[in-house]
Amino acid sequence: MATPKKGRSASAQSKPGRSLALILIALVALTGGMFASGHTKPRLGIDLAGGTSITLRAVPEAGNEAAINKTNMDTAVSIMERRVNGLGVSESEVQTQGRDNIVVNIPKGTNSEQARKQVGTTAKLYFRPVLATEIAGGTASPSPSPTGSPTDKPSGKATDKPEATDKGSASPSASPTTQGRAVTDALKADATPSASASDKGDKASPSPSGSGGTAEADASALQAKYAKLDCTDEKTRSTVGDGVKASDPTLACGKNSQGQWQKYVLGPAEVDGTDVDKAQATLDTQRGAGWTVQMDFTDGGAKKFADITGKLAQNQSPQNQFAIVLDGEVVSDPYVRQALTGGNAEISGNFNQQSAQDLSNMLSYGALPLTFKVDSMTTVTAALGGDQLQAGLIAGAIGLALVVIYLLAYYRGLSFIAILSLLVSAALTYTLMALLGPAIGFALNLPAVCGAIVAIGITADSFIVYFERVRDEIREGRSLRPAVERAWPRARRTILVSDFVSFLAAAVLFLVTVGKVQGFAFTLGLTTLLDVVVVFLFTKPLLTLMARRPFFANGHKWSGLDPKSLGAQPPLRRTRRPAAPVDPKEA
């Protein structure tokens, strides 16, 4: 008589202990990482945590109203999003409203203050030659007091090291009349096409005073405005350069190294922010210059920078200085002794770490194509979102309770395995959300909570598919342990196909949407992946172990696997059927 082959049945039996140990280790590691990092709660979005809502209005430059169009507005939205995300502020919302408005919602959290300061900053950077400068208030400065000055090295970096020889050769204390003549002469020179240092080949713009104006009249008008300019007045500073083209001379204000406001007459822009390839905040410990912003120019920008510094080096102070102008304010005004051809430069001044990083961040992501003014800034409370969250959690709890009641009523003992699986899935989801906040900036908002609630049904569906496959095997007359193993391959295929479709839908939704809807898609995709992990590493191994317990193996009526209640026809295929009697005549 042949003996049964045990090799196949032994190999068919899985080793559930390893899988359960693996998921237990993963859960302990995630929980430990959550407590070790100090982030024991998920980060919340603006609808749950509150924050700031800013409405920005695009302001056209003089004679260029057509610049406010969909392309430039979309570009501005993209740059603002990159700036805020570069600061680590998650779940920020940047979207257009109407033709010329952009609404920015920034949740509470780390760096949200810096984000509010940066988000509407145009970050238009220009390098302009200095034609005249003095301390605000009308008294000629005893020294130009630049916040930086280029080094002798060809690297093109500006330093704070003073150059007494070069400064002493100038006459900064000249009378206003003499200084006015110098400015007028410089402006007349800038007005002629031959004096333009721009590599773009732009000719001098028409007179701002209208047709028929002369270079002398324009220079005199600008000099008169310069004489009246009071840079100590904040309102004056905010409007001093409004509507001025890059190709025109302009007035500007800035603080010198002593913290005093200084006013400037500046020539046409020779280099602008689009010529900057990248920027980085660095701490200069060798020269003691403190925090600076290092800039690398593009190839074209490097050539422009070398040309303008070469021309400025031939002038006397202050007309051997160039002003680094950011959004109409002079942040540095180094002077030049030679052409700087290294293709890089350094902005130094009264920077601390935060202000240097803010400036480098704005320069790295580019200037906004439009100028924006803040129309309104309001604080968003979390009260409304908290009420909605509470209502959503109540609805989720009711849905979960109904699922548990259904499992208890229909699957009885098997519901114990399903409920434990749901708890493991919930623990993994919570720890991952808490860790993903500081890791990738994920923040939990209301749609994300909805995605987690929807995932309860997806997870429960996987359990039901597997349980029903096992019950089908028992109906066919098999005992529990073989039924558990034979049902798994078919259930596994169904679960994987179902979860793949759900994950694909979440991925497509995440890619084609923006804002809060992405939170829903991200949470749905994450919980779908966790469903596969829990079913494979917890639910199936746990059911394999429970199948060895007499309560389930013997088909107790409360186990949910009672052959009689399932309609199984005895005898069960637990043993080999006796061989049919042999007819003596055939023998």
Protein backbone atom coordinates (compact mmCIF):
# COMPACT_ATOMS: atom_id res chain seq x y z
CA MET A 1 0.00 0.00 0.00
CA ALA A 2 1.42 3.37 -1.05
CA THR A 3 2.11 5.90 1.66
CA PRO A 4 0.90 9.48 1.31
CA LYS A 5 3.45 11.97 0.02
CA LYS A 6 4.11 14.48 2.77
CA GLY A 7 6.63 16.59 0.85
CA ARG A 8 4.04 18.52 -1.13
CA SER A 9 1.78 19.21 1.85
CA ALA A 10 4.72 20.31 3.97
CA SER A 11 5.96 22.67 1.32
CA ALA A 12 2.47 24.06 0.84
CA GLN A 13 2.36 25.10 4.46
CA SER A 14 3.82 28.57 4.99
CA LYS A 15 5.94 29.69 7.90
CA PRO A 16 3.66 32.28 9.50
CA GLY A 17 5.99 33.05 12.42
CA ARG A 18 8.55 34.78 10.20
CA SER A 19 5.99 37.04 8.54
CA LEU A 20 4.41 38.03 11.84
CA ALA A 21 7.83 38.74 13.34
CA LEU A 22 8.74 40.89 10.34
CA ILE A 23 5.68 43.09 10.55
CA LEU A 24 6.09 43.34 14.33
CA ILE A 25 9.68 44.54 13.89
CA ALA A 26 8.56 47.08 11.28
CA LEU A 27 5.82 48.38 13.57
CA VAL A 28 8.18 48.68 16.55
CA ALA A 29 10.83 50.43 14.39
CA LEU A 30 8.33 52.95 13.02
CA THR A 31 6.90 53.65 16.47
CA GLY A 32 10.37 54.03 17.94
CA GLY A 33 11.39 56.38 15.13
CA MET A 34 8.26 58.43 15.70
CA PHE A 35 9.01 58.95 19.40
CA ALA A 36 12.75 59.40 18.84
CA SER A 37 12.15 62.17 16.30
CA GLY A 38 9.69 63.91 18.60
CA HIS A 39 6.99 63.95 15.92
CA THR A 40 4.29 61.91 17.60
CA LYS A 41 1.43 63.53 15.71
CA PRO A 42 0.85 64.05 11.99
CA ARG A 43 1.36 67.56 10.71
CA LEU A 44 -1.92 69.31 9.96
CA GLY A 45 -2.88 71.35 6.93
CA ILE A 46 -4.26 74.87 7.01
CA ASP A 47 -7.87 73.67 7.23
CA LEU A 48 -7.09 71.76 10.44
CA ALA A 49 -4.25 73.76 12.00
CA GLY A 50 -5.06 77.26 10.78
CA GLY A 51 -2.62 79.60 9.12
CA THR A 52 -2.45 82.68 6.93
CA SER A 53 -4.26 83.52 3.71
CA ILE A 54 -2.61 86.17 1.51
CA THR A 55 -4.20 87.80 -1.52
CA LEU A 56 -1.68 89.26 -3.95
CA ARG A 57 -2.59 91.60 -6.82
CA ALA A 58 -0.42 91.85 -9.93
CA VAL A 59 0.68 95.41 -10.70
CA PRO A 60 1.75 96.15 -14.30
CA GLU A 61 4.89 98.07 -15.04
CA ALA A 62 4.57 101.38 -16.84
CA GLY A 63 3.54 100.85 -20.44
CA ASN A 64 3.43 97.07 -20.09
CA GLU A 65 -0.11 96.27 -18.96
CA ALA A 66 -0.23 93.30 -21.34
CA ALA A 67 2.28 91.48 -19.11
CA ILE A 68 -0.59 90.43 -16.84
CA ASN A 69 -1.65 87.35 -18.76
CA LYS A 70 -2.35 83.70 -18.02
CA THR A 71 1.18 82.56 -18.88
CA ASN A 72 2.87 84.99 -16.48
CA MET A 73 0.32 84.34 -13.75
CA ASP A 74 0.84 80.56 -14.01
CA THR A 75 4.61 81.09 -13.95
CA ALA A 76 4.27 83.22 -10.81
CA VAL A 77 2.18 80.51 -9.13
CA SER A 78 4.81 77.89 -9.96
CA ILE A 79 7.67 80.02 -8.58
CA MET A 80 5.75 80.83 -5.39
CA GLU A 81 5.03 77.14 -4.81
CA ARG A 82 8.72 76.27 -5.21
CA ARG A 83 9.76 79.04 -2.87
CA VAL A 84 7.39 77.96 -0.11
CA ASN A 85 8.18 74.27 -0.52
CA GLY A 86 11.88 75.13 -0.51
CA LEU A 87 11.34 76.49 2.99
CA GLY A 88 9.79 73.23 4.17
CA VAL A 89 6.22 74.54 4.48
CA SER A 90 3.88 71.76 3.44
CA GLU A 91 0.32 71.80 2.18
CA SER A 92 0.63 75.40 1.06
CA GLU A 93 -1.91 76.38 -1.57
CA VAL A 94 -1.07 78.83 -4.34
CA GLN A 95 -3.73 79.47 -6.95
CA THR A 96 -4.93 82.22 -9.24
CA GLN A 97 -8.15 84.08 -8.56
CA GLY A 98 -9.59 86.06 -11.40
CA ARG A 99 -7.33 87.78 -13.91
CA ASP A 100 -4.76 89.48 -11.69
CA ASN A 101 -4.99 87.96 -8.19
CA ILE A 102 -3.13 85.07 -6.56
CA VAL A 103 -4.30 83.58 -3.27
CA VAL A 104 -1.68 81.90 -1.07
CA ASN A 105 -2.71 79.80 1.94
CA ILE A 106 0.16 78.96 4.30
CA PRO A 107 -0.48 76.65 7.28
CA LYS A 108 1.05 77.17 10.66
CA GLY A 109 4.38 75.47 11.10
CA THR A 110 8.09 75.78 10.80
CA ASN A 111 9.26 78.61 8.52
CA SER A 112 5.73 79.86 7.84
CA GLU A 113 6.83 83.36 8.88
CA GLN A 114 9.61 83.37 6.30
CA ALA A 115 7.20 82.03 3.70
CA ARG A 116 4.81 84.91 4.28
CA LYS A 117 7.69 87.37 3.75
CA GLN A 118 8.98 85.69 0.61
CA VAL A 119 5.93 84.51 -1.23
CA GLY A 120 5.05 87.84 -2.84
CA THR A 121 8.57 89.20 -3.14
CA THR A 122 9.23 89.76 -6.80
CA ALA A 123 12.98 89.08 -6.39
CA LYS A 124 13.92 91.17 -9.40
CA LEU A 125 17.67 91.52 -9.18
CA TYR A 126 19.62 94.15 -11.09
CA PHE A 127 23.25 95.23 -11.14
CA ARG A 128 23.22 98.98 -11.78
CA PRO A 129 26.15 101.43 -11.86
CA VAL A 130 26.13 104.00 -9.06
CA LEU A 131 26.05 107.59 -10.35
CA ALA A 132 25.68 109.34 -6.98
CA THR A 133 25.01 108.41 -3.37
CA GLU A 134 24.73 110.12 0.01
CA ILE A 135 23.30 109.54 3.45
CA ALA A 136 19.53 110.01 3.47
CA GLY A 137 18.55 113.39 4.82
CA GLY A 138 20.52 115.52 2.37
CA THR A 139 23.97 115.51 3.98
CA ALA A 140 26.69 114.24 1.71
CA SER A 141 28.21 111.07 2.98
CA PRO A 142 31.80 111.38 4.19
CA SER A 143 32.28 107.99 2.62
CA PRO A 144 30.21 105.92 0.22
CA SER A 145 30.24 103.27 2.96
CA PRO A 146 29.59 100.36 0.64
CA THR A 147 28.31 97.19 2.17
CA GLY A 148 30.78 95.28 0.08
CA SER A 149 33.68 95.71 -2.31
CA PRO A 150 35.18 93.35 -4.87
CA THR A 151 38.43 91.66 -4.16
CA ASP A 152 41.56 91.85 -6.28
CA LYS A 153 41.09 88.23 -7.20
CA PRO A 154 39.50 87.34 -10.52
CA SER A 155 36.81 85.32 -8.79
CA GLY A 156 34.52 88.33 -8.83
CA LYS A 157 33.52 88.08 -5.19
CA ALA A 158 32.66 91.22 -3.25
CA THR A 159 33.96 91.68 0.24
CA ASP A 160 33.46 94.06 3.13
CA LYS A 161 37.17 94.91 3.26
CA PRO A 162 37.53 98.71 2.85
CA GLU A 163 39.80 100.17 0.19
CA ALA A 164 41.05 103.43 1.71
CA THR A 165 43.30 104.34 -1.21
CA ASP A 166 40.57 104.13 -3.82
CA LYS A 167 38.06 105.87 -1.60
CA GLY A 168 40.51 108.62 -0.72
CA SER A 169 40.94 109.50 -4.35
CA ALA A 170 37.29 110.39 -4.66
CA SER A 171 35.58 113.55 -3.54
CA PRO A 172 32.48 112.31 -1.75
CA SER A 173 32.23 115.52 0.21
CA ALA A 174 31.85 117.64 -2.90
CA SER A 175 29.25 120.34 -2.85
CA PRO A 176 25.74 119.52 -4.04
CA THR A 177 26.29 121.73 -7.07
CA THR A 178 29.44 119.88 -8.09
CA GLN A 179 27.78 116.54 -7.36
CA GLY A 180 24.73 117.55 -9.37
CA ARG A 181 26.89 118.38 -12.38
CA ALA A 182 28.60 115.01 -12.10
CA VAL A 183 25.24 113.22 -12.02
CA THR A 184 23.98 115.26 -14.97
CA ASP A 185 27.08 114.44 -16.99
CA ALA A 186 26.75 110.73 -16.13
CA LEU A 187 23.07 110.66 -17.04
CA LYS A 188 23.74 112.40 -20.34
CA ALA A 189 26.41 109.83 -21.07
CA ASP A 190 24.00 107.00 -20.21
CA ALA A 191 21.40 108.55 -22.51
CA THR A 192 23.64 108.15 -25.56
CA PRO A 193 23.63 104.80 -27.36
CA SER A 194 27.42 104.63 -27.32
CA ALA A 195 27.51 104.73 -23.53
CA SER A 196 25.23 101.75 -22.99
CA ALA A 197 27.08 98.78 -21.52
CA SER A 198 24.19 96.38 -22.05
CA ASP A 199 25.04 93.29 -24.03
CA LYS A 200 21.47 93.10 -25.20
CA GLY A 201 21.98 96.01 -27.54
CA ASP A 202 19.07 98.00 -26.13
CA LYS A 203 19.05 101.69 -26.99
CA ALA A 204 18.30 104.29 -24.40
CA SER A 205 14.60 104.56 -23.72
CA PRO A 206 12.68 107.70 -24.63
CA SER A 207 12.60 110.52 -22.16
CA PRO A 208 10.29 109.76 -19.24
CA SER A 209 9.08 113.34 -19.36
CA GLY A 210 7.51 112.83 -22.76
CA SER A 211 8.33 113.70 -26.35
CA GLY A 212 10.57 116.69 -26.87
CA GLY A 213 12.50 116.14 -23.64
CA THR A 214 16.27 116.29 -23.77
CA ALA A 215 18.90 114.30 -21.89
CA GLU A 216 19.77 117.44 -19.92
CA ALA A 217 16.15 117.99 -18.89
CA ASP A 218 15.75 114.34 -17.90
CA ALA A 219 18.93 114.44 -15.85
CA SER A 220 17.88 117.65 -14.15
CA ALA A 221 14.45 116.23 -13.31
CA LEU A 222 15.97 113.08 -11.83
CA GLN A 223 18.51 115.17 -9.91
CA ALA A 224 15.69 117.27 -8.47
CA LYS A 225 13.86 114.14 -7.32
CA TYR A 226 17.08 112.85 -5.85
CA ALA A 227 17.56 116.03 -3.84
CA LYS A 228 14.06 115.69 -2.35
CA LEU A 229 14.23 111.91 -1.76
CA ASP A 230 13.88 110.93 1.91
CA CYS A 231 14.80 107.26 2.31
CA THR A 232 14.03 107.32 6.03
CA ASP A 233 10.32 107.38 5.17
CA GLU A 234 9.01 103.85 4.64
CA LYS A 235 6.21 104.91 2.32
CA THR A 236 8.68 106.77 0.11
CA ARG A 237 11.04 103.80 0.00
CA SER A 238 8.26 101.45 -1.11
CA THR A 239 7.43 103.55 -4.19
CA VAL A 240 10.74 105.16 -5.13
CA GLY A 241 11.44 102.87 -8.11
CA ASP A 242 7.90 101.98 -9.19
CA GLY A 243 7.29 101.88 -12.91
CA VAL A 244 10.94 102.34 -13.88
CA LYS A 245 12.24 100.18 -16.70
CA ALA A 246 15.48 98.27 -16.34
CA SER A 247 16.91 100.30 -19.24
CA ASP A 248 16.24 103.64 -17.49
CA PRO A 249 18.17 105.41 -14.72
CA THR A 250 16.42 105.33 -11.37
CA LEU A 251 16.56 106.32 -7.72
CA ALA A 252 16.92 103.78 -4.93
CA CYS A 253 17.41 103.45 -1.19
CA GLY A 254 19.48 101.07 0.87
CA LYS A 255 21.18 100.68 4.23
CA ASN A 256 24.92 101.03 4.54
CA SER A 257 27.19 99.02 6.81
CA GLN A 258 26.48 101.40 9.71
CA GLY A 259 22.75 100.78 9.41
CA GLN A 260 22.04 104.24 7.99
CA TRP A 261 19.65 104.78 5.11
CA GLN A 262 21.45 105.92 1.99
CA LYS A 263 19.98 107.21 -1.27
CA TYR A 264 21.31 106.56 -4.76
CA VAL A 265 21.10 107.67 -8.35
CA LEU A 266 21.60 104.54 -10.43
CA GLY A 267 22.22 104.05 -14.13
CA PRO A 268 20.50 101.53 -16.44
CA ALA A 269 20.70 97.87 -15.40
CA GLU A 270 23.64 96.04 -16.91
CA VAL A 271 23.04 92.57 -15.43
CA ASP A 272 19.78 91.13 -14.08
CA GLY A 273 18.56 88.14 -12.08
CA THR A 274 18.01 85.98 -15.16
CA ASP A 275 21.78 85.99 -15.60
CA VAL A 276 22.21 84.25 -12.22
CA ASP A 277 22.55 80.48 -12.57
CA LYS A 278 22.35 79.55 -8.88
CA ALA A 279 22.71 81.14 -5.46
CA GLN A 280 23.69 79.76 -2.07
CA ALA A 281 23.95 81.20 1.45
CA THR A 282 27.40 80.68 2.99
CA LEU A 283 29.14 81.67 6.23
CA ASP A 284 32.43 83.46 5.51
CA THR A 285 34.65 82.63 8.49
CA GLN A 286 37.99 83.38 6.82
CA ARG A 287 37.42 87.09 6.19
CA GLY A 288 34.91 87.56 8.98
CA ALA A 289 32.31 88.85 6.54
CA GLY A 290 29.54 86.85 8.20
CA TRP A 291 26.71 85.41 6.13
CA THR A 292 26.91 86.10 2.40
CA VAL A 293 25.07 84.96 -0.73
CA GLN A 294 27.28 83.35 -3.37
CA MET A 295 26.05 83.67 -6.97
CA ASP A 296 27.18 81.84 -10.08
CA PHE A 297 26.38 83.53 -13.39
CA THR A 298 25.37 81.96 -16.65
CA ASP A 299 27.85 82.21 -19.51
CA GLY A 300 26.09 85.27 -20.87
CA GLY A 301 25.78 86.80 -17.41
CA ALA A 302 29.47 86.27 -16.69
CA LYS A 303 30.38 88.20 -19.84
CA LYS A 304 28.03 91.07 -18.96
CA PHE A 305 29.40 91.20 -15.42
CA ALA A 306 33.01 91.29 -16.67
CA ASP A 307 32.16 94.09 -19.12
CA ILE A 308 30.40 96.34 -16.61
CA THR A 309 33.02 95.86 -13.87
CA GLY A 310 35.77 96.60 -16.40
CA LYS A 311 34.12 99.91 -17.31
CA LEU A 312 33.37 100.87 -13.71
CA ALA A 313 36.98 100.25 -12.69
CA GLN A 314 38.01 103.20 -14.86
CA ASN A 315 35.85 105.68 -12.92
CA GLN A 316 36.29 107.51 -9.65
CA SER A 317 34.17 106.95 -6.55
CA PRO A 318 31.26 106.66 -6.29
CA GLN A 319 30.97 105.97 -10.03
CA ASN A 320 33.27 102.97 -9.72
CA GLN A 321 30.59 101.24 -7.62
CA PHE A 322 27.76 99.03 -8.78
CA ALA A 323 24.58 98.61 -6.77
CA ILE A 324 22.99 95.20 -6.32
CA VAL A 325 19.31 96.12 -6.34
CA LEU A 326 16.68 93.65 -5.17
CA ASP A 327 13.08 94.74 -5.72
CA GLY A 328 14.08 98.39 -5.83
CA GLU A 329 16.25 98.35 -2.69
CA VAL A 330 20.04 98.41 -2.71
CA VAL A 331 21.30 95.44 -0.69
CA SER A 332 24.97 95.95 -1.51
CA ASP A 333 27.06 98.58 -3.34
CA PRO A 334 30.63 97.29 -3.79
CA TYR A 335 33.21 99.28 -5.74
CA VAL A 336 35.48 97.89 -8.44
CA ARG A 337 39.20 98.21 -9.14
CA GLN A 338 39.42 95.76 -12.04
CA ALA A 339 37.26 93.67 -14.35
CA LEU A 340 35.86 90.61 -12.57
CA THR A 341 35.89 87.69 -14.96
CA GLY A 342 35.40 84.67 -12.72
CA GLY A 343 31.72 84.18 -13.53
CA ASN A 344 30.62 84.48 -9.91
CA ALA A 345 29.91 87.15 -7.35
CA GLU A 346 29.07 87.52 -3.71
CA ILE A 347 26.41 89.65 -2.06
CA SER A 348 27.56 90.68 1.40
CA GLY A 349 26.10 93.07 3.90
CA ASN A 350 24.08 93.02 7.08
CA PHE A 351 22.93 89.42 6.62
CA ASN A 352 22.15 86.86 9.26
CA GLN A 353 21.68 83.19 8.46
CA GLN A 354 17.94 83.47 7.86
CA SER A 355 18.06 86.56 5.65
CA ALA A 356 20.93 85.10 3.59
CA GLN A 357 19.03 81.84 3.09
CA ASP A 358 15.87 83.74 2.20
CA LEU A 359 17.67 85.75 -0.48
CA SER A 360 19.46 82.71 -1.93
CA ASN A 361 16.17 80.81 -2.00
CA MET A 362 14.44 83.56 -3.96
CA LEU A 363 17.32 83.94 -6.41
CA SER A 364 17.59 80.17 -6.92
CA TYR A 365 13.93 79.80 -7.93
CA GLY A 366 13.93 82.90 -10.09
CA ALA A 367 12.21 86.24 -10.09
CA LEU A 368 8.48 86.55 -10.46
CA PRO A 369 7.50 87.72 -13.95
CA LEU A 370 5.19 90.32 -12.40
CA THR A 371 5.23 92.72 -9.49
CA PHE A 372 2.70 91.93 -6.76
CA LYS A 373 1.18 94.00 -4.01
CA VAL A 374 -0.45 92.50 -0.92
CA ASP A 375 -4.16 93.29 -1.07
CA SER A 376 -5.10 91.44 2.10
CA MET A 377 -3.61 89.14 4.69
CA THR A 378 -5.93 87.28 7.04
CA THR A 379 -5.44 84.68 9.73
CA VAL A 380 -7.35 81.45 9.16
CA THR A 381 -8.52 79.72 12.31
CA ALA A 382 -8.80 75.98 12.62
CA ALA A 383 -12.27 76.17 14.17
CA LEU A 384 -14.22 75.41 10.99
CA GLY A 385 -11.82 72.69 9.92
CA GLY A 386 -11.85 71.25 13.45
CA ASP A 387 -15.64 70.99 13.35
CA GLN A 388 -15.50 69.31 9.95
CA LEU A 389 -12.78 66.97 11.15
CA GLN A 390 -14.84 66.03 14.17
CA ALA A 391 -17.85 65.34 11.95
CA GLY A 392 -15.66 63.29 9.60
CA LEU A 393 -14.18 61.28 12.45
CA ILE A 394 -17.65 60.58 13.82
CA ALA A 395 -18.78 59.40 10.40
CA GLY A 396 -15.66 57.24 10.13
CA ALA A 397 -16.22 55.78 13.57
CA ILE A 398 -19.84 54.95 12.67
CA GLY A 399 -18.71 53.31 9.44
CA LEU A 400 -16.01 51.33 11.25
CA ALA A 401 -18.50 50.22 13.90
CA LEU A 402 -20.90 48.98 11.20
CA VAL A 403 -18.07 47.06 9.55
CA VAL A 404 -17.14 45.43 12.87
CA ILE A 405 -20.77 44.53 13.59
CA TYR A 406 -21.08 42.96 10.14
CA LEU A 407 -17.86 40.97 10.64
CA LEU A 408 -19.02 39.73 14.04
CA ALA A 409 -22.43 38.73 12.77
CA TYR A 410 -21.29 37.06 9.57
CA TYR A 411 -17.78 35.78 10.23
CA ARG A 412 -17.96 35.34 14.01
CA GLY A 413 -14.57 33.97 15.11
CA LEU A 414 -12.90 35.07 11.90
CA SER A 415 -13.82 38.67 12.79
CA PHE A 416 -11.11 38.50 15.48
CA ILE A 417 -8.47 38.18 12.75
CA ALA A 418 -10.08 40.94 10.68
CA ILE A 419 -10.26 43.40 13.60
CA LEU A 420 -6.63 42.75 14.56
CA SER A 421 -5.63 43.34 10.94
CA LEU A 422 -7.51 46.65 10.90
CA LEU A 423 -5.73 47.73 14.09
CA VAL A 424 -2.32 46.86 12.63
CA SER A 425 -3.17 48.77 9.44
CA ALA A 426 -4.29 51.79 11.50
CA ALA A 427 -1.07 51.73 13.56
CA LEU A 428 1.11 51.59 10.44
CA THR A 429 -0.86 54.38 8.80
CA TYR A 430 -0.61 56.66 11.83
CA THR A 431 3.12 56.18 12.39
CA LEU A 432 3.92 56.69 8.71
CA MET A 433 1.85 59.89 8.55
CA ALA A 434 3.62 61.22 11.64
CA LEU A 435 7.05 60.45 10.14
CA LEU A 436 6.24 61.69 6.63
CA GLY A 437 5.45 65.16 7.99
CA PRO A 438 9.07 66.15 8.73
CA ALA A 439 10.47 63.82 6.05
CA ILE A 440 8.64 65.01 2.92
CA GLY A 441 6.40 67.79 4.21
CA PHE A 442 3.19 65.74 4.24
CA ALA A 443 0.38 67.41 6.15
CA LEU A 444 -2.96 65.91 7.04
CA ASN A 445 -5.94 67.83 5.74
CA LEU A 446 -9.63 67.04 5.50
CA PRO A 447 -9.46 65.28 2.09
CA ALA A 448 -6.57 63.18 3.42
CA VAL A 449 -8.72 62.12 6.36
CA CYS A 450 -11.43 61.14 3.86
CA GLY A 451 -8.88 59.04 1.99
CA ALA A 452 -7.98 57.20 5.20
CA ILE A 453 -11.67 56.52 5.92
CA VAL A 454 -12.24 55.19 2.39
CA ALA A 455 -9.26 52.89 2.92
CA ILE A 456 -11.12 51.09 5.71
CA GLY A 457 -13.46 49.62 3.11
CA ILE A 458 -10.55 48.64 0.83
CA THR A 459 -8.78 46.83 3.68
CA ALA A 460 -11.95 45.08 4.85
CA ASP A 461 -12.65 43.99 1.28
CA SER A 462 -9.30 42.16 1.13
CA PHE A 463 -10.14 40.21 4.29
CA ILE A 464 -13.55 39.27 2.93
CA VAL A 465 -12.07 38.01 -0.36
CA TYR A 466 -9.68 35.69 1.50
CA PHE A 467 -12.24 34.48 4.04
CA GLU A 468 -14.74 33.64 1.32
CA ARG A 469 -12.13 31.65 -0.62
CA VAL A 470 -11.38 29.62 2.52
CA ARG A 471 -15.09 29.00 3.13
CA ASP A 472 -15.49 27.88 -0.50
CA GLU A 473 -12.76 25.28 0.03
CA ILE A 474 -14.54 24.02 3.15
CA ARG A 475 -17.80 23.76 1.23
CA GLU A 476 -16.01 21.49 -1.23
CA GLY A 477 -15.25 19.11 1.64
CA ARG A 478 -11.73 20.09 2.67
CA SER A 479 -10.60 20.52 6.24
CA LEU A 480 -9.45 23.92 7.45
CA ARG A 481 -5.66 23.74 7.19
CA PRO A 482 -5.57 22.58 3.54
CA ALA A 483 -8.40 25.01 2.79
CA VAL A 484 -6.37 27.96 4.13
CA GLU A 485 -3.41 27.12 1.89
CA ARG A 486 -5.39 26.24 -1.24
CA ALA A 487 -7.53 29.38 -0.97
CA TRP A 488 -4.57 31.72 -0.68
CA PRO A 489 -3.25 31.70 -4.30
CA ARG A 490 -6.65 32.54 -5.77
CA ALA A 491 -7.43 35.15 -3.09
CA ARG A 492 -3.97 36.66 -3.51
CA ARG A 493 -4.49 37.28 -7.22
CA THR A 494 -7.86 38.93 -6.61
CA ILE A 495 -6.48 41.15 -3.81
CA LEU A 496 -3.49 42.26 -5.88
CA VAL A 497 -5.61 43.13 -8.91
CA SER A 498 -8.09 45.06 -6.78
CA ASP A 499 -5.39 46.99 -4.91
CA PHE A 500 -3.50 47.70 -8.14
CA VAL A 501 -6.58 49.32 -9.67
CA SER A 502 -7.12 51.38 -6.51
CA PHE A 503 -3.46 52.46 -6.37
CA LEU A 504 -3.44 53.34 -10.08
CA ALA A 505 -6.50 55.54 -9.62
CA ALA A 506 -4.84 57.26 -6.64
CA ALA A 507 -1.61 57.82 -8.58
CA VAL A 508 -3.39 59.34 -11.58
CA LEU A 509 -5.47 61.55 -9.28
CA PHE A 510 -2.31 62.73 -7.50
CA LEU A 511 -0.57 63.61 -10.76
CA VAL A 512 -3.40 65.49 -12.46
CA THR A 513 -4.72 67.46 -9.47
CA VAL A 514 -3.35 70.13 -7.16
CA GLY A 515 -3.93 71.32 -3.62
CA LYS A 516 -6.04 69.42 -1.19
CA VAL A 517 -7.19 66.77 -3.65
CA GLN A 518 -3.59 65.56 -3.77
CA GLY A 519 -3.84 64.91 -0.04
CA PHE A 520 -6.78 62.58 -0.66
CA ALA A 521 -4.94 60.78 -3.48
CA PHE A 522 -1.73 60.44 -1.45
CA THR A 523 -3.49 58.96 1.57
CA LEU A 524 -5.52 56.59 -0.59
CA GLY A 525 -2.40 55.35 -2.37
CA LEU A 526 -0.48 54.95 0.90
CA THR A 527 -3.23 52.97 2.63
CA THR A 528 -3.67 50.79 -0.45
CA LEU A 529 -0.01 49.79 -0.30
CA LEU A 530 -0.34 49.15 3.44
CA ASP A 531 -3.34 46.92 2.74
CA VAL A 532 -1.12 44.63 0.64
CA VAL A 533 1.52 44.59 3.38
CA VAL A 534 -0.99 43.79 6.15
CA VAL A 535 -2.80 41.05 4.21
CA PHE A 536 0.42 39.33 3.14
CA LEU A 537 2.42 39.68 6.35
CA PHE A 538 -0.30 39.63 9.01
CA THR A 539 -3.77 38.43 7.97
CA LYS A 540 -2.72 35.33 6.07
CA PRO A 541 -0.02 34.20 8.58
CA LEU A 542 -2.39 34.79 11.49
CA LEU A 543 -5.13 32.73 9.85
CA THR A 544 -2.60 29.96 9.23
CA LEU A 545 -1.77 29.90 12.94
CA MET A 546 -5.42 30.05 13.99
CA ALA A 547 -6.20 27.12 11.68
CA ARG A 548 -4.09 24.96 14.00
CA ARG A 549 -6.22 25.82 17.01
CA PRO A 550 -9.01 23.34 17.80
CA PHE A 551 -11.61 26.13 17.97
CA PHE A 552 -11.14 26.84 14.26
CA ALA A 553 -9.78 23.48 13.06
CA ASN A 554 -12.75 21.51 14.42
CA GLY A 555 -15.23 23.95 12.91
CA HIS A 556 -16.83 25.33 16.09
CA LYS A 557 -20.19 26.87 15.35
CA TRP A 558 -18.92 30.28 16.54
CA SER A 559 -15.71 30.07 14.53
CA GLY A 560 -17.34 31.14 11.29
CA LEU A 561 -15.97 27.99 9.66
CA ASP A 562 -18.56 25.41 10.74
CA PRO A 563 -18.90 22.94 7.82
CA LYS A 564 -22.61 22.36 8.54
CA SER A 565 -23.52 26.03 8.53
CA LEU A 566 -21.49 26.44 5.33
CA GLY A 567 -23.34 23.58 3.61
CA ALA A 568 -20.35 21.23 3.29
CA GLN A 569 -21.14 17.61 2.38
CA PRO A 570 -19.42 15.03 4.63
CA PRO A 571 -17.19 13.20 4.68
CA LEU A 572 -14.56 15.87 4.64
CA ARG A 573 -11.55 15.24 2.46
CA ARG A 574 -9.27 15.04 5.43
CA THR A 575 -8.29 11.37 4.86
CA ARG A 576 -7.91 9.20 1.84
CA ARG A 577 -11.13 7.51 0.74
CA PRO A 578 -11.11 3.65 1.01
CA ALA A 579 -10.35 1.90 -2.20
CA ALA A 580 -13.30 0.34 -4.07
CA PRO A 581 -13.73 -3.48 -3.50
CA VAL A 582 -12.12 -5.61 -6.16
CA ASP A 583 -14.40 -8.07 -8.04
CA PRO A 584 -13.05 -11.66 -7.52
CA LYS A 585 -13.83 -12.46 -11.12
CA GLU A 586 -11.70 -9.51 -12.30
CA ALA A 587 -8.92 -10.58 -9.93
